[in-house]
Structure formats: structure tokens, C-alpha cells
């Protein structure tokens, strides 16, 4: 049910990926991991469209939500551990008193306005 590449040392990733189909009801998915610029896992499986049973292929396009939250949290904690980011809540609120911790929240008020411009 799955296809692709899994280099030695990453077999547990392939096992977990397959388990999603075998026992967790996954319909279709893919995962690709790179380490040091080299692809070590590139797996896909299942169906892309349950109505037509079209298979999930290496190039199937999908919608992802919240895929950067984990990476952002990891980076924020690394920066905090190095004293580069203050995760303590600010005593004063409002957009005129932005703080590091508040910028990580959905309610931070960061919005995109135009080509490559971000505003608070």
C-alpha cells in the first residue's frame, strides 16, 4: 500500500507510516525527510481521491494545515534556551507593546498586506 524510498537507519519511519494505513484508517498520505541535504525518506501511499480510488503518487498535491507549528515551537525554545528569545508574557498588552512570546500566538495580529509586506 506504500511506495518510495527509505534509507537504512530510518526503517521506523516507514513502519510508522505503514501503520497509519494498516491500523489507523489513513486514506492517503506522503512524507519526505532530508538530513544534511540528502533525502533519507520519501514515502507515499493510499489513495488521493476516495471517490475515484486514484492512487496517491509521489507528486500528489495536498493541502496542509498547521504544518509549521512544531518547527516554530522547536526554534522558539532553542532561541529561548540561548537567551535570544524572551518567552515570558509581557505585562502590558496591545500592539504598541509587542513582545517575543506574544508574537508566537495566533492572536498576535500579524497579517500580510501586499507583496512580501508584514504588518502588526
PDB file of N, CA and C in Angstrom:
ATOM      1  N   UNK A   1       0.819  -1.199   0.000  1.00  0.00           N
ATOM      2  CA  UNK A   1       0.000   0.000   0.000  1.00  0.00           C
ATOM      3  C   UNK A   1       0.861   1.260   0.000  1.00  0.00           C
ATOM      4  N   UNK A   2       2.157   1.141   0.348  1.00  0.00           N
ATOM      5  CA  UNK A   2       3.037   2.305   0.302  1.00  0.00           C
ATOM      6  C   UNK A   2       4.164   2.055  -0.688  1.00  0.00           C
ATOM      7  N   UNK A   3       4.755   3.145  -1.138  1.00  0.00           N
ATOM      8  CA  UNK A   3       5.833   3.055  -2.112  1.00  0.00           C
ATOM      9  C   UNK A   3       6.843   4.134  -1.778  1.00  0.00           C
ATOM     10  N   UNK A   4       8.035   4.030  -2.348  1.00  0.00           N
ATOM     11  CA  UNK A   4       9.015   5.084  -2.182  1.00  0.00           C
ATOM     12  C   UNK A   4      10.349   4.608  -1.662  1.00  0.00           C
ATOM     13  N   UNK A   5      11.072   5.535  -1.031  1.00  0.00           N
ATOM     14  CA  UNK A   5      12.442   5.336  -0.592  1.00  0.00           C
ATOM     15  C   UNK A   5      12.534   5.448   0.922  1.00  0.00           C
ATOM     16  N   UNK A   6      13.294   4.540   1.526  1.00  0.00           N
ATOM     17  CA  UNK A   6      13.606   4.629   2.946  1.00  0.00           C
ATOM     18  C   UNK A   6      15.017   4.095   3.138  1.00  0.00           C
ATOM     19  N   UNK A   7      15.948   4.988   3.452  1.00  0.00           N
ATOM     20  CA  UNK A   7      17.349   4.587   3.614  1.00  0.00           C
ATOM     21  C   UNK A   7      17.546   3.861   4.940  1.00  0.00           C
ATOM     22  N   UNK A   8      18.572   3.024   5.006  1.00  0.00           N
ATOM     23  CA  UNK A   8      18.882   2.315   6.250  1.00  0.00           C
ATOM     24  C   UNK A   8      19.034   3.288   7.422  1.00  0.00           C
ATOM     25  N   UNK A   9      18.484   2.887   8.554  1.00  0.00           N
ATOM     26  CA  UNK A   9      18.507   3.723   9.740  1.00  0.00           C
ATOM     27  C   UNK A   9      17.211   4.477   9.950  1.00  0.00           C
ATOM     28  N   UNK A  10      16.345   4.492   8.946  1.00  0.00           N
ATOM     29  CA  UNK A  10      15.081   5.207   9.027  1.00  0.00           C
ATOM     30  C   UNK A  10      13.882   4.263   8.870  1.00  0.00           C
ATOM     31  N   UNK A  11      14.118   2.983   9.086  1.00  0.00           N
ATOM     32  CA  UNK A  11      13.058   1.983   8.913  1.00  0.00           C
ATOM     33  C   UNK A  11      11.865   2.231   9.827  1.00  0.00           C
ATOM     34  N   UNK A  12      12.116   2.784  11.006  1.00  0.00           N
ATOM     35  CA  UNK A  12      10.992   3.037  11.932  1.00  0.00           C
ATOM     36  C   UNK A  12      10.023   4.074  11.371  1.00  0.00           C
ATOM     37  N   UNK A  13      10.534   4.996  10.580  1.00  0.00           N
ATOM     38  CA  UNK A  13       9.658   5.977   9.923  1.00  0.00           C
ATOM     39  C   UNK A  13       8.731   5.247   8.959  1.00  0.00           C
ATOM     40  N   UNK A  14       9.299   4.343   8.155  1.00  0.00           N
ATOM     41  CA  UNK A  14       8.497   3.578   7.196  1.00  0.00           C
ATOM     42  C   UNK A  14       7.486   2.697   7.919  1.00  0.00           C
ATOM     43  N   UNK A  15       7.885   2.100   9.035  1.00  0.00           N
ATOM     44  CA  UNK A  15       6.966   1.264   9.810  1.00  0.00           C
ATOM     45  C   UNK A  15       5.805   2.082  10.351  1.00  0.00           C
ATOM     46  N   UNK A  16       6.098   3.257  10.913  1.00  0.00           N
ATOM     47  CA  UNK A  16       5.043   4.128  11.446  1.00  0.00           C
ATOM     48  C   UNK A  16       4.133   4.615  10.327  1.00  0.00           C
ATOM     49  N   UNK A  17       4.707   4.932   9.183  1.00  0.00           N
ATOM     50  CA  UNK A  17       3.920   5.391   8.037  1.00  0.00           C
ATOM     51  C   UNK A  17       2.960   4.294   7.594  1.00  0.00           C
ATOM     52  N   UNK A  18       3.463   3.080   7.444  1.00  0.00           N
ATOM     53  CA  UNK A  18       2.616   1.951   7.035  1.00  0.00           C
ATOM     54  C   UNK A  18       1.542   1.648   8.071  1.00  0.00           C
ATOM     55  N   UNK A  19       1.898   1.781   9.337  1.00  0.00           N
ATOM     56  CA  UNK A  19       0.936   1.509  10.417  1.00  0.00           C
ATOM     57  C   UNK A  19      -0.269   2.445  10.321  1.00  0.00           C
ATOM     58  N   UNK A  20      -0.043   3.668   9.877  1.00  0.00           N
ATOM     59  CA  UNK A  20      -1.165   4.597   9.716  1.00  0.00           C
ATOM     60  C   UNK A  20      -2.218   4.043   8.760  1.00  0.00           C
ATOM     61  N   UNK A  21      -1.783   3.325   7.748  1.00  0.00           N
ATOM     62  CA  UNK A  21      -2.723   2.733   6.796  1.00  0.00           C
ATOM     63  C   UNK A  21      -3.312   1.433   7.350  1.00  0.00           C
ATOM     64  N   UNK A  22      -2.450   0.602   7.931  1.00  0.00           N
ATOM     65  CA  UNK A  22      -2.868  -0.726   8.379  1.00  0.00           C
ATOM     66  C   UNK A  22      -3.810  -0.704   9.568  1.00  0.00           C
ATOM     67  N   UNK A  23      -3.593   0.200  10.519  1.00  0.00           N
ATOM     68  CA  UNK A  23      -4.391   0.140  11.738  1.00  0.00           C
ATOM     69  C   UNK A  23      -5.005   1.458  12.192  1.00  0.00           C
ATOM     70  N   UNK A  24      -4.735   2.536  11.499  1.00  0.00           N
ATOM     71  CA  UNK A  24      -5.262   3.832  11.942  1.00  0.00           C
ATOM     72  C   UNK A  24      -6.217   4.475  10.950  1.00  0.00           C
ATOM     73  N   UNK A  25      -6.505   3.794   9.854  1.00  0.00           N
ATOM     74  CA  UNK A  25      -7.500   4.297   8.917  1.00  0.00           C
ATOM     75  C   UNK A  25      -7.040   5.400   7.985  1.00  0.00           C
ATOM     76  N   UNK A  26      -5.745   5.558   7.818  1.00  0.00           N
ATOM     77  CA  UNK A  26      -5.249   6.577   6.885  1.00  0.00           C
ATOM     78  C   UNK A  26      -5.738   6.257   5.481  1.00  0.00           C
ATOM     79  N   UNK A  27      -6.145   7.287   4.745  1.00  0.00           N
ATOM     80  CA  UNK A  27      -6.652   7.098   3.386  1.00  0.00           C
ATOM     81  C   UNK A  27      -5.530   7.296   2.371  1.00  0.00           C
ATOM     82  N   UNK A  28      -4.802   8.403   2.494  1.00  0.00           N
ATOM     83  CA  UNK A  28      -3.692   8.696   1.593  1.00  0.00           C
ATOM     84  C   UNK A  28      -2.761   9.704   2.236  1.00  0.00           C
ATOM     85  N   UNK A  29      -1.467   9.546   1.994  1.00  0.00           N
ATOM     86  CA  UNK A  29      -0.507  10.448   2.626  1.00  0.00           C
ATOM     87  C   UNK A  29       0.859  10.308   1.979  1.00  0.00           C
ATOM     88  N   UNK A  30       1.739  11.256   2.337  1.00  0.00           N
ATOM     89  CA  UNK A  30       3.132  11.182   1.919  1.00  0.00           C
ATOM     90  C   UNK A  30       3.988  11.835   2.979  1.00  0.00           C
ATOM     91  N   UNK A  31       5.264  11.455   2.989  1.00  0.00           N
ATOM     92  CA  UNK A  31       6.227  12.063   3.904  1.00  0.00           C
ATOM     93  C   UNK A  31       7.590  12.043   3.222  1.00  0.00           C
ATOM     94  N   UNK A  32       8.318  13.134   3.372  1.00  0.00           N
ATOM     95  CA  UNK A  32       9.658  13.222   2.806  1.00  0.00           C
ATOM     96  C   UNK A  32      10.560  13.892   3.833  1.00  0.00           C
ATOM     97  N   UNK A  33      11.672  13.230   4.162  1.00  0.00           N
ATOM     98  CA  UNK A  33      12.615  13.766   5.137  1.00  0.00           C
ATOM     99  C   UNK A  33      13.988  13.895   4.509  1.00  0.00           C
ATOM    100  N   UNK A  34      14.643  15.015   4.802  1.00  0.00           N
ATOM    101  CA  UNK A  34      16.012  15.190   4.335  1.00  0.00           C
ATOM    102  C   UNK A  34      16.913  15.411   5.541  1.00  0.00           C
ATOM    103  N   UNK A  35      18.100  14.873   5.484  1.00  0.00           N
ATOM    104  CA  UNK A  35      19.101  15.046   6.527  1.00  0.00           C
ATOM    105  C   UNK A  35      20.394  15.447   5.841  1.00  0.00           C
ATOM    106  N   UNK A  36      20.928  16.571   6.232  1.00  0.00           N
ATOM    107  CA  UNK A  36      22.163  17.044   5.627  1.00  0.00           C
ATOM    108  C   UNK A  36      22.056  17.236   4.129  1.00  0.00           C
ATOM    109  N   UNK A  37      20.882  17.625   3.656  1.00  0.00           N
ATOM    110  CA  UNK A  37      20.673  17.857   2.237  1.00  0.00           C
ATOM    111  C   UNK A  37      20.392  16.600   1.425  1.00  0.00           C
ATOM    112  N   UNK A  38      20.390  15.439   2.066  1.00  0.00           N
ATOM    113  CA  UNK A  38      20.127  14.172   1.372  1.00  0.00           C
ATOM    114  C   UNK A  38      18.751  13.638   1.756  1.00  0.00           C
ATOM    115  N   UNK A  39      17.980  13.203   0.776  1.00  0.00           N
ATOM    116  CA  UNK A  39      16.687  12.601   1.061  1.00  0.00           C
ATOM    117  C   UNK A  39      16.916  11.216   1.660  1.00  0.00           C
ATOM    118  N   UNK A  40      16.370  11.017   2.864  1.00  0.00           N
ATOM    119  CA  UNK A  40      16.520   9.723   3.531  1.00  0.00           C
ATOM    120  C   UNK A  40      15.203   8.958   3.583  1.00  0.00           C
ATOM    121  N   UNK A  41      14.088   9.670   3.488  1.00  0.00           N
ATOM    122  CA  UNK A  41      12.764   9.048   3.445  1.00  0.00           C
ATOM    123  C   UNK A  41      11.927   9.822   2.435  1.00  0.00           C
ATOM    124  N   UNK A  42      11.289   9.114   1.532  1.00  0.00           N
ATOM    125  CA  UNK A  42      10.345   9.702   0.582  1.00  0.00           C
ATOM    126  C   UNK A  42       9.293   8.634   0.304  1.00  0.00           C
ATOM    127  N   UNK A  43       8.217   8.667   1.095  1.00  0.00           N
ATOM    128  CA  UNK A  43       7.189   7.631   1.037  1.00  0.00           C
ATOM    129  C   UNK A  43       5.835   8.225   0.679  1.00  0.00           C
ATOM    130  N   UNK A  44       5.008   7.413   0.033  1.00  0.00           N
ATOM    131  CA  UNK A  44       3.635   7.796  -0.267  1.00  0.00           C
ATOM    132  C   UNK A  44       2.810   6.529  -0.321  1.00  0.00           C
ATOM    133  N   UNK A  45       1.503   6.707  -0.161  1.00  0.00           N
ATOM    134  CA  UNK A  45       0.649   5.534  -0.215  1.00  0.00           C
ATOM    135  C   UNK A  45      -0.818   5.882  -0.107  1.00  0.00           C
ATOM    136  N   UNK A  46      -1.643   4.879  -0.331  1.00  0.00           N
ATOM    137  CA  UNK A  46      -3.085   5.052  -0.241  1.00  0.00           C
ATOM    138  C   UNK A  46      -3.679   5.641  -1.500  1.00  0.00           C
ATOM    139  N   UNK A  47      -4.802   6.313  -1.311  1.00  0.00           N
ATOM    140  CA  UNK A  47      -5.499   6.909  -2.454  1.00  0.00           C
ATOM    141  C   UNK A  47      -5.580   8.421  -2.289  1.00  0.00           C
ATOM    142  N   UNK A  48      -5.506   9.116  -3.401  1.00  0.00           N
ATOM    143  CA  UNK A  48      -5.601  10.571  -3.407  1.00  0.00           C
ATOM    144  C   UNK A  48      -7.048  11.038  -3.410  1.00  0.00           C
ATOM    145  N   UNK A  49      -7.915  10.223  -3.980  1.00  0.00           N
ATOM    146  CA  UNK A  49      -9.335  10.569  -4.075  1.00  0.00           C
ATOM    147  C   UNK A  49     -10.163   9.326  -3.784  1.00  0.00           C
ATOM    148  N   UNK A  50     -10.785   9.265  -2.608  1.00  0.00           N
ATOM    149  CA  UNK A  50     -11.578   8.083  -2.252  1.00  0.00           C
ATOM    150  C   UNK A  50     -12.732   7.792  -3.217  1.00  0.00           C
ATOM    151  N   UNK A  51     -13.253   8.836  -3.870  1.00  0.00           N
ATOM    152  CA  UNK A  51     -14.367   8.630  -4.796  1.00  0.00           C
ATOM    153  C   UNK A  51     -13.938   7.865  -6.044  1.00  0.00           C
ATOM    154  N   UNK A  52     -12.775   8.221  -6.573  1.00  0.00           N
ATOM    155  CA  UNK A  52     -12.311   7.592  -7.817  1.00  0.00           C
ATOM    156  C   UNK A  52     -11.287   6.484  -7.576  1.00  0.00           C
ATOM    157  N   UNK A  53     -10.798   6.409  -6.327  1.00  0.00           N
ATOM    158  CA  UNK A  53      -9.744   5.458  -5.964  1.00  0.00           C
ATOM    159  C   UNK A  53      -8.423   5.722  -6.706  1.00  0.00           C
ATOM    160  N   UNK A  54      -8.245   6.959  -7.169  1.00  0.00           N
ATOM    161  CA  UNK A  54      -6.979   7.332  -7.800  1.00  0.00           C
ATOM    162  C   UNK A  54      -5.869   7.178  -6.774  1.00  0.00           C
ATOM    163  N   UNK A  55      -4.789   6.517  -7.130  1.00  0.00           N
ATOM    164  CA  UNK A  55      -3.718   6.284  -6.149  1.00  0.00           C
ATOM    165  C   UNK A  55      -2.957   7.554  -5.791  1.00  0.00           C
ATOM    166  N   UNK A  56      -2.463   7.581  -4.562  1.00  0.00           N
ATOM    167  CA  UNK A  56      -1.573   8.650  -4.125  1.00  0.00           C
ATOM    168  C   UNK A  56      -0.220   8.354  -4.754  1.00  0.00           C
ATOM    169  N   UNK A  57       0.325   9.326  -5.464  1.00  0.00           N
ATOM    170  CA  UNK A  57       1.619   9.133  -6.127  1.00  0.00           C
ATOM    171  C   UNK A  57       2.659  10.052  -5.504  1.00  0.00           C
ATOM    172  N   UNK A  58       3.865   9.912  -5.958  1.00  0.00           N
ATOM    173  CA  UNK A  58       4.954  10.746  -5.446  1.00  0.00           C
ATOM    174  C   UNK A  58       4.657  12.228  -5.612  1.00  0.00           C
ATOM    175  N   UNK A  59       3.938  12.601  -6.662  1.00  0.00           N
ATOM    176  CA  UNK A  59       3.676  14.009  -6.965  1.00  0.00           C
ATOM    177  C   UNK A  59       2.278  14.482  -6.618  1.00  0.00           C
ATOM    178  N   UNK A  60       1.529  13.704  -5.835  1.00  0.00           N
ATOM    179  CA  UNK A  60       0.189  14.128  -5.446  1.00  0.00           C
ATOM    180  C   UNK A  60       0.276  15.396  -4.599  1.00  0.00           C
ATOM    181  N   UNK A  61      -0.532  16.388  -4.947  1.00  0.00           N
ATOM    182  CA  UNK A  61      -0.574  17.653  -4.225  1.00  0.00           C
ATOM    183  C   UNK A  61      -1.646  17.545  -3.145  1.00  0.00           C
ATOM    184  N   UNK A  62      -1.324  18.056  -1.961  1.00  0.00           N
ATOM    185  CA  UNK A  62      -2.308  18.025  -0.882  1.00  0.00           C
ATOM    186  C   UNK A  62      -2.294  19.346  -0.128  1.00  0.00           C
ATOM    187  N   UNK A  63      -3.320  19.551   0.656  1.00  0.00           N
ATOM    188  CA  UNK A  63      -3.437  20.747   1.483  1.00  0.00           C
ATOM    189  C   UNK A  63      -2.889  20.398   2.864  1.00  0.00           C
ATOM    190  N   UNK A  64      -2.074  21.263   3.413  1.00  0.00           N
ATOM    191  CA  UNK A  64      -1.559  21.050   4.764  1.00  0.00           C
ATOM    192  C   UNK A  64      -1.963  22.216   5.648  1.00  0.00           C
ATOM    193  N   UNK A  65      -2.306  21.911   6.870  1.00  0.00           N
ATOM    194  CA  UNK A  65      -2.659  22.925   7.850  1.00  0.00           C
ATOM    195  C   UNK A  65      -1.728  22.793   9.044  1.00  0.00           C
ATOM    196  N   UNK A  66      -1.322  23.902   9.593  1.00  0.00           N
ATOM    197  CA  UNK A  66      -0.536  23.941  10.825  1.00  0.00           C
ATOM    198  C   UNK A  66       0.754  23.133  10.752  1.00  0.00           C
ATOM    199  N   UNK A  67       1.312  23.008   9.571  1.00  0.00           N
ATOM    200  CA  UNK A  67       2.499  22.159   9.433  1.00  0.00           C
ATOM    201  C   UNK A  67       3.764  22.792   9.990  1.00  0.00           C
ATOM    202  N   UNK A  68       3.759  24.081  10.255  1.00  0.00           N
ATOM    203  CA  UNK A  68       4.971  24.716  10.764  1.00  0.00           C
ATOM    204  C   UNK A  68       4.938  24.978  12.264  1.00  0.00           C
ATOM    205  N   UNK A  69       3.844  24.648  12.925  1.00  0.00           N
ATOM    206  CA  UNK A  69       3.746  24.937  14.361  1.00  0.00           C
ATOM    207  C   UNK A  69       4.811  24.204  15.166  1.00  0.00           C
ATOM    208  N   UNK A  70       5.032  22.944  14.880  1.00  0.00           N
ATOM    209  CA  UNK A  70       6.037  22.177  15.617  1.00  0.00           C
ATOM    210  C   UNK A  70       7.438  22.725  15.413  1.00  0.00           C
ATOM    211  N   UNK A  71       7.771  23.037  14.163  1.00  0.00           N
ATOM    212  CA  UNK A  71       9.095  23.583  13.867  1.00  0.00           C
ATOM    213  C   UNK A  71       9.276  24.956  14.512  1.00  0.00           C
ATOM    214  N   UNK A  72       8.236  25.772  14.496  1.00  0.00           N
ATOM    215  CA  UNK A  72       8.306  27.095  15.113  1.00  0.00           C
ATOM    216  C   UNK A  72       8.504  26.972  16.617  1.00  0.00           C
ATOM    217  N   UNK A  73       7.771  26.056  17.250  1.00  0.00           N
ATOM    218  CA  UNK A  73       7.920  25.846  18.695  1.00  0.00           C
ATOM    219  C   UNK A  73       9.327  25.383  19.031  1.00  0.00           C
ATOM    220  N   UNK A  74       9.863  24.462  18.247  1.00  0.00           N
ATOM    221  CA  UNK A  74      11.215  23.969  18.482  1.00  0.00           C
ATOM    222  C   UNK A  74      12.235  25.105  18.361  1.00  0.00           C
ATOM    223  N   UNK A  75      12.126  25.887  17.296  1.00  0.00           N
ATOM    224  CA  UNK A  75      13.052  27.007  17.096  1.00  0.00           C
ATOM    225  C   UNK A  75      12.931  28.031  18.224  1.00  0.00           C
ATOM    226  N   UNK A  76      11.696  28.322  18.642  1.00  0.00           N
ATOM    227  CA  UNK A  76      11.479  29.293  19.715  1.00  0.00           C
ATOM    228  C   UNK A  76      12.133  28.820  21.008  1.00  0.00           C
ATOM    229  N   UNK A  77      11.999  27.549  21.319  1.00  0.00           N
ATOM    230  CA  UNK A  77      12.588  27.035  22.556  1.00  0.00           C
ATOM    231  C   UNK A  77      14.116  26.985  22.487  1.00  0.00           C
ATOM    232  N   UNK A  78      14.664  26.683  21.328  1.00  0.00           N
ATOM    233  CA  UNK A  78      16.122  26.714  21.172  1.00  0.00           C
ATOM    234  C   UNK A  78      16.619  28.149  21.375  1.00  0.00           C
ATOM    235  N   UNK A  79      15.953  29.117  20.740  1.00  0.00           N
ATOM    236  CA  UNK A  79      16.353  30.515  20.906  1.00  0.00           C
ATOM    237  C   UNK A  79      16.214  30.969  22.355  1.00  0.00           C
ATOM    238  N   UNK A  80      15.143  30.544  23.020  1.00  0.00           N
ATOM    239  CA  UNK A  80      14.948  30.911  24.427  1.00  0.00           C
ATOM    240  C   UNK A  80      16.050  30.314  25.296  1.00  0.00           C
ATOM    241  N   UNK A  81      16.438  29.075  25.005  1.00  0.00           N
ATOM    242  CA  UNK A  81      17.490  28.435  25.798  1.00  0.00           C
ATOM    243  C   UNK A  81      18.836  29.130  25.612  1.00  0.00           C
ATOM    244  N   UNK A  82      18.992  29.837  24.516  1.00  0.00           N
ATOM    245  CA  UNK A  82      20.236  30.573  24.242  1.00  0.00           C
ATOM    246  C   UNK A  82      20.143  32.042  24.653  1.00  0.00           C
ATOM    247  N   UNK A  83      19.023  32.413  25.276  1.00  0.00           N
ATOM    248  CA  UNK A  83      18.848  33.788  25.721  1.00  0.00           C
ATOM    249  C   UNK A  83      18.533  34.764  24.607  1.00  0.00           C
ATOM    250  N   UNK A  84      18.111  34.273  23.460  1.00  0.00           N
ATOM    251  CA  UNK A  84      17.833  35.132  22.310  1.00  0.00           C
ATOM    252  C   UNK A  84      16.341  35.452  22.151  1.00  0.00           C
ATOM    253  N   UNK A  85      15.493  34.799  22.947  1.00  0.00           N
ATOM    254  CA  UNK A  85      14.051  34.993  22.842  1.00  0.00           C
ATOM    255  C   UNK A  85      13.468  34.936  24.245  1.00  0.00           C
ATOM    256  N   UNK A  86      12.663  35.927  24.587  1.00  0.00           N
ATOM    257  CA  UNK A  86      12.041  36.001  25.910  1.00  0.00           C
ATOM    258  C   UNK A  86      10.617  35.467  25.803  1.00  0.00           C
ATOM    259  N   UNK A  87      10.355  34.337  26.450  1.00  0.00           N
ATOM    260  CA  UNK A  87       9.025  33.721  26.368  1.00  0.00           C
ATOM    261  C   UNK A  87       8.113  34.117  27.522  1.00  0.00           C
ATOM    262  N   UNK A  88       8.592  35.005  28.398  1.00  0.00           N
ATOM    263  CA  UNK A  88       7.731  35.454  29.493  1.00  0.00           C
ATOM    264  C   UNK A  88       6.635  36.364  28.933  1.00  0.00           C
ATOM    265  N   UNK A  89       5.418  36.234  29.451  1.00  0.00           N
ATOM    266  CA  UNK A  89       4.347  37.125  28.985  1.00  0.00           C
ATOM    267  C   UNK A  89       4.672  38.581  29.327  1.00  0.00           C
ATOM    268  N   UNK A  90       4.315  39.483  28.436  1.00  0.00           N
ATOM    269  CA  UNK A  90       4.527  40.912  28.685  1.00  0.00           C
ATOM    270  C   UNK A  90       3.506  41.399  29.695  1.00  0.00           C
ATOM    271  N   UNK A  91       3.883  42.404  30.475  1.00  0.00           N
ATOM    272  CA  UNK A  91       2.959  42.940  31.468  1.00  0.00           C
ATOM    273  C   UNK A  91       1.956  43.887  30.824  1.00  0.00           C
ATOM    274  N   UNK A  92       2.348  44.510  29.739  1.00  0.00           N
ATOM    275  CA  UNK A  92       1.452  45.423  29.046  1.00  0.00           C
ATOM    276  C   UNK A  92       1.054  44.789  27.725  1.00  0.00           C
ATOM    277  N   UNK A  93      -0.204  44.892  27.391  1.00  0.00           N
ATOM    278  CA  UNK A  93      -0.677  44.322  26.140  1.00  0.00           C
ATOM    279  C   UNK A  93      -0.764  45.372  25.060  1.00  0.00           C
ATOM    280  N   UNK A  94      -1.362  45.000  23.983  1.00  0.00           N
ATOM    281  CA  UNK A  94      -1.562  45.929  22.891  1.00  0.00           C
ATOM    282  C   UNK A  94      -0.469  45.844  21.852  1.00  0.00           C
ATOM    283  N   UNK A  95      -0.788  46.327  20.685  1.00  0.00           N
ATOM    284  CA  UNK A  95       0.154  46.251  19.567  1.00  0.00           C
ATOM    285  C   UNK A  95       1.361  47.157  19.744  1.00  0.00           C
ATOM    286  N   UNK A  96       1.227  48.191  20.569  1.00  0.00           N
ATOM    287  CA  UNK A  96       2.358  49.076  20.803  1.00  0.00           C
ATOM    288  C   UNK A  96       3.374  48.463  21.756  1.00  0.00           C
ATOM    289  N   UNK A  97       3.030  47.358  22.379  1.00  0.00           N
ATOM    290  CA  UNK A  97       3.901  46.698  23.339  1.00  0.00           C
ATOM    291  C   UNK A  97       4.092  45.236  22.934  1.00  0.00           C
ATOM    292  N   UNK A  98       4.476  45.015  21.691  1.00  0.00           N
ATOM    293  CA  UNK A  98       4.690  43.653  21.208  1.00  0.00           C
ATOM    294  C   UNK A  98       5.851  43.023  21.964  1.00  0.00           C
ATOM    295  N   UNK A  99       5.775  41.731  22.163  1.00  0.00           N
ATOM    296  CA  UNK A  99       6.818  41.002  22.866  1.00  0.00           C
ATOM    297  C   UNK A  99       7.027  39.660  22.180  1.00  0.00           C
ATOM    298  N   UNK A 100       8.146  39.035  22.492  1.00  0.00           N
ATOM    299  CA  UNK A 100       8.507  37.785  21.819  1.00  0.00           C
ATOM    300  C   UNK A 100       7.435  36.710  21.969  1.00  0.00           C
ATOM    301  N   UNK A 101       6.999  36.450  23.199  1.00  0.00           N
ATOM    302  CA  UNK A 101       6.030  35.375  23.429  1.00  0.00           C
ATOM    303  C   UNK A 101       4.724  35.650  22.690  1.00  0.00           C
ATOM    304  N   UNK A 102       4.283  36.895  22.702  1.00  0.00           N
ATOM    305  CA  UNK A 102       3.027  37.240  22.045  1.00  0.00           C
ATOM    306  C   UNK A 102       3.071  37.055  20.548  1.00  0.00           C
ATOM    307  N   UNK A 103       4.250  37.195  19.960  1.00  0.00           N
ATOM    308  CA  UNK A 103       4.350  37.049  18.509  1.00  0.00           C
ATOM    309  C   UNK A 103       4.164  35.598  18.071  1.00  0.00           C
ATOM    310  N   UNK A 104       4.230  34.661  19.009  1.00  0.00           N
ATOM    311  CA  UNK A 104       4.036  33.246  18.680  1.00  0.00           C
ATOM    312  C   UNK A 104       2.576  32.826  18.752  1.00  0.00           C
ATOM    313  N   UNK A 105       1.710  33.695  19.211  1.00  0.00           N
ATOM    314  CA  UNK A 105       0.299  33.361  19.364  1.00  0.00           C
ATOM    315  C   UNK A 105      -0.490  33.737  18.123  1.00  0.00           C
ATOM    316  N   UNK A 106      -1.563  33.004  17.868  1.00  0.00           N
ATOM    317  CA  UNK A 106      -2.419  33.334  16.722  1.00  0.00           C
ATOM    318  C   UNK A 106      -3.024  34.709  16.862  1.00  0.00           C
ATOM    319  N   UNK A 107      -3.224  35.159  18.080  1.00  0.00           N
ATOM    320  CA  UNK A 107      -3.853  36.457  18.304  1.00  0.00           C
ATOM    321  C   UNK A 107      -2.855  37.609  18.246  1.00  0.00           C
ATOM    322  N   UNK A 108      -1.645  37.349  17.781  1.00  0.00           N
ATOM    323  CA  UNK A 108      -0.613  38.380  17.728  1.00  0.00           C
ATOM    324  C   UNK A 108      -0.979  39.515  16.786  1.00  0.00           C
ATOM    325  N   UNK A 109      -1.902  39.298  15.877  1.00  0.00           N
ATOM    326  CA  UNK A 109      -2.327  40.355  14.975  1.00  0.00           C
ATOM    327  C   UNK A 109      -1.415  40.551  13.786  1.00  0.00           C
ATOM    328  N   UNK A 110      -0.619  39.551  13.453  1.00  0.00           N
ATOM    329  CA  UNK A 110       0.264  39.659  12.300  1.00  0.00           C
ATOM    330  C   UNK A 110      -0.532  39.294  11.058  1.00  0.00           C
ATOM    331  N   UNK A 111      -0.521  40.180  10.103  1.00  0.00           N
ATOM    332  CA  UNK A 111      -1.283  39.947   8.878  1.00  0.00           C
ATOM    333  C   UNK A 111      -0.443  40.334   7.680  1.00  0.00           C
ATOM    334  N   UNK A 112      -0.692  39.691   6.595  1.00  0.00           N
ATOM    335  CA  UNK A 112       0.034  40.024   5.374  1.00  0.00           C
ATOM    336  C   UNK A 112      -0.752  41.087   4.621  1.00  0.00           C
ATOM    337  N   UNK A 113      -0.024  42.095   4.164  1.00  0.00           N
ATOM    338  CA  UNK A 113      -0.686  43.149   3.401  1.00  0.00           C
ATOM    339  C   UNK A 113       0.179  43.508   2.206  1.00  0.00           C
ATOM    340  N   UNK A 114      -0.098  42.899   1.099  1.00  0.00           N
ATOM    341  CA  UNK A 114       0.646  43.216  -0.105  1.00  0.00           C
ATOM    342  C   UNK A 114       1.836  42.304  -0.325  1.00  0.00           C
ATOM    343  N   UNK A 115       2.563  42.610  -1.355  1.00  0.00           N
ATOM    344  CA  UNK A 115       3.692  41.784  -1.794  1.00  0.00           C
ATOM    345  C   UNK A 115       4.816  41.773  -0.783  1.00  0.00           C
ATOM    346  N   UNK A 116       4.933  40.671  -0.032  1.00  0.00           N
ATOM    347  CA  UNK A 116       6.039  40.485   0.880  1.00  0.00           C
ATOM    348  C   UNK A 116       6.085  41.426   2.080  1.00  0.00           C
ATOM    349  N   UNK A 117       5.004  42.134   2.387  1.00  0.00           N
ATOM    350  CA  UNK A 117       4.999  43.063   3.499  1.00  0.00           C
ATOM    351  C   UNK A 117       4.177  42.496   4.646  1.00  0.00           C
ATOM    352  N   UNK A 118       4.745  42.538   5.838  1.00  0.00           N
ATOM    353  CA  UNK A 118       4.054  42.059   7.037  1.00  0.00           C
ATOM    354  C   UNK A 118       3.861  43.234   7.970  1.00  0.00           C
ATOM    355  N   UNK A 119       2.694  43.325   8.572  1.00  0.00           N
ATOM    356  CA  UNK A 119       2.420  44.428   9.488  1.00  0.00           C
ATOM    357  C   UNK A 119       1.846  43.908  10.793  1.00  0.00           C
ATOM    358  N   UNK A 120       1.976  44.714  11.823  1.00  0.00           N
ATOM    359  CA  UNK A 120       1.344  44.428  13.133  1.00  0.00           C
ATOM    360  C   UNK A 120       0.145  45.331  13.274  1.00  0.00           C
TER     361      UNK A 120
END
